[in-house]
Amino acid sequence: MTITNEAAYLYVYSKKLISINRRIHSLREDGRKALEKFHQTNDSSQKEKYRRQSRKAADKLKKTIEEKQNILTKLHRHQVAFAGQLRNEAGK
């Protein structure tokens, strides 16, 4: 691929990574709040509700972190390709 294409891939994947990082931060906050409410309440039905919310946030967080790892792998691959193309352009 050309250096322009590699640069475009780097840009797109970096934007996706920023989006995923924001989502991770939000999910962590949701899970933390649900867990905090779980510890504060005394009603068993409410405790179960907050436990489910916390578990759901943890599951979503796990999937999002796996997605982040995939994006990081792709980003690294294109960064290496970009560096190679840049060397080729500089050598001409």
Protein backbone atom coordinates (compact mmCIF):
# COMPACT_ATOMS: atom_id res chain seq x y z
CA MET A 1 0.00 0.00 0.00
CA THR A 2 1.02 3.57 -0.39
CA ILE A 3 2.12 5.77 2.46
CA THR A 4 -1.11 7.75 2.11
CA ASN A 5 -3.24 4.64 2.58
CA GLU A 6 -1.23 3.59 5.63
CA ALA A 7 -1.59 7.07 7.11
CA ALA A 8 -5.36 6.87 6.55
CA TYR A 9 -5.52 3.51 8.32
CA LEU A 10 -3.53 4.91 11.23
CA TYR A 11 -5.91 7.85 11.51
CA VAL A 12 -9.07 5.71 11.39
CA TYR A 13 -7.79 3.15 13.90
CA SER A 14 -6.59 5.87 16.27
CA LYS A 15 -10.06 7.44 16.21
CA LYS A 16 -11.61 4.03 16.94
CA LEU A 17 -9.16 3.58 19.81
CA ILE A 18 -10.14 6.94 21.31
CA SER A 19 -13.81 5.95 21.07
CA ILE A 20 -13.16 2.60 22.73
CA ASN A 21 -11.17 4.22 25.54
CA ARG A 22 -14.09 6.56 26.25
CA ARG A 23 -16.47 3.58 26.29
CA ILE A 24 -14.18 1.70 28.69
CA HIS A 25 -14.09 4.68 31.03
CA SER A 26 -17.90 4.91 30.96
CA LEU A 27 -18.37 1.19 31.60
CA ARG A 28 -15.94 1.25 34.51
CA GLU A 29 -17.85 4.14 36.03
CA ASP A 30 -21.21 2.35 35.55
CA GLY A 31 -19.88 -0.81 37.18
CA ARG A 32 -18.37 1.11 40.06
CA LYS A 33 -21.63 2.99 40.71
CA ALA A 34 -23.70 -0.21 40.63
CA LEU A 35 -21.30 -1.91 43.03
CA GLU A 36 -21.38 1.09 45.35
CA LYS A 37 -25.19 1.04 45.36
CA PHE A 38 -25.09 -2.71 45.96
CA HIS A 39 -23.09 -2.18 49.14
CA GLN A 40 -25.26 0.69 50.35
CA THR A 41 -28.69 -0.91 50.00
CA ASN A 42 -30.28 -3.31 52.49
CA ASP A 43 -33.17 -4.57 50.36
CA SER A 44 -32.40 -8.00 48.87
CA SER A 45 -34.27 -7.34 45.59
CA GLN A 46 -32.35 -4.08 45.12
CA LYS A 47 -29.09 -5.86 45.93
CA GLU A 48 -29.84 -8.41 43.21
CA LYS A 49 -30.66 -5.63 40.76
CA TYR A 50 -27.38 -3.84 41.40
CA ARG A 51 -25.47 -7.12 41.28
CA ARG A 52 -26.91 -7.81 37.82
CA GLN A 53 -26.06 -4.28 36.68
CA SER A 54 -22.50 -4.64 37.93
CA ARG A 55 -22.08 -8.04 36.25
CA LYS A 56 -23.51 -6.71 32.98
CA ALA A 57 -21.11 -3.76 33.03
CA ALA A 58 -18.20 -6.11 33.76
CA ASP A 59 -19.14 -8.36 30.84
CA LYS A 60 -19.43 -5.40 28.47
CA LEU A 61 -16.13 -4.09 29.78
CA LYS A 62 -14.43 -7.41 29.08
CA LYS A 63 -15.74 -7.47 25.49
CA THR A 64 -14.71 -3.86 24.95
CA ILE A 65 -11.19 -4.55 26.23
CA GLU A 66 -10.91 -7.48 23.80
CA GLU A 67 -12.05 -5.16 21.01
CA LYS A 68 -9.44 -2.63 22.12
CA GLN A 69 -6.74 -5.29 21.93
CA ASN A 70 -7.77 -6.14 18.36
CA ILE A 71 -7.64 -2.47 17.37
CA LEU A 72 -4.21 -2.10 18.98
CA THR A 73 -2.94 -5.09 16.99
CA LYS A 74 -4.23 -3.62 13.73
CA LEU A 75 -2.84 -0.20 14.63
CA HIS A 76 0.59 -1.69 15.31
CA ARG A 77 0.53 -3.61 12.03
CA HIS A 78 -0.26 -0.47 10.04
CA GLN A 79 2.29 1.58 11.98
CA VAL A 80 5.01 -0.87 10.98
CA ALA A 81 3.82 -0.76 7.36
CA PHE A 82 3.76 3.05 7.47
CA ALA A 83 7.32 3.14 8.78
CA GLY A 84 8.41 0.82 5.97
CA GLN A 85 6.72 2.97 3.35
CA LEU A 86 8.28 6.07 4.87
CA ARG A 87 11.74 4.47 4.59
CA ASN A 88 11.03 3.61 0.95
CA GLU A 89 9.95 7.15 0.19
CA ALA A 90 13.03 8.60 1.91
CA GLY A 91 15.31 6.23 -0.01
CA LYS A 92 14.06 7.36 -3.42
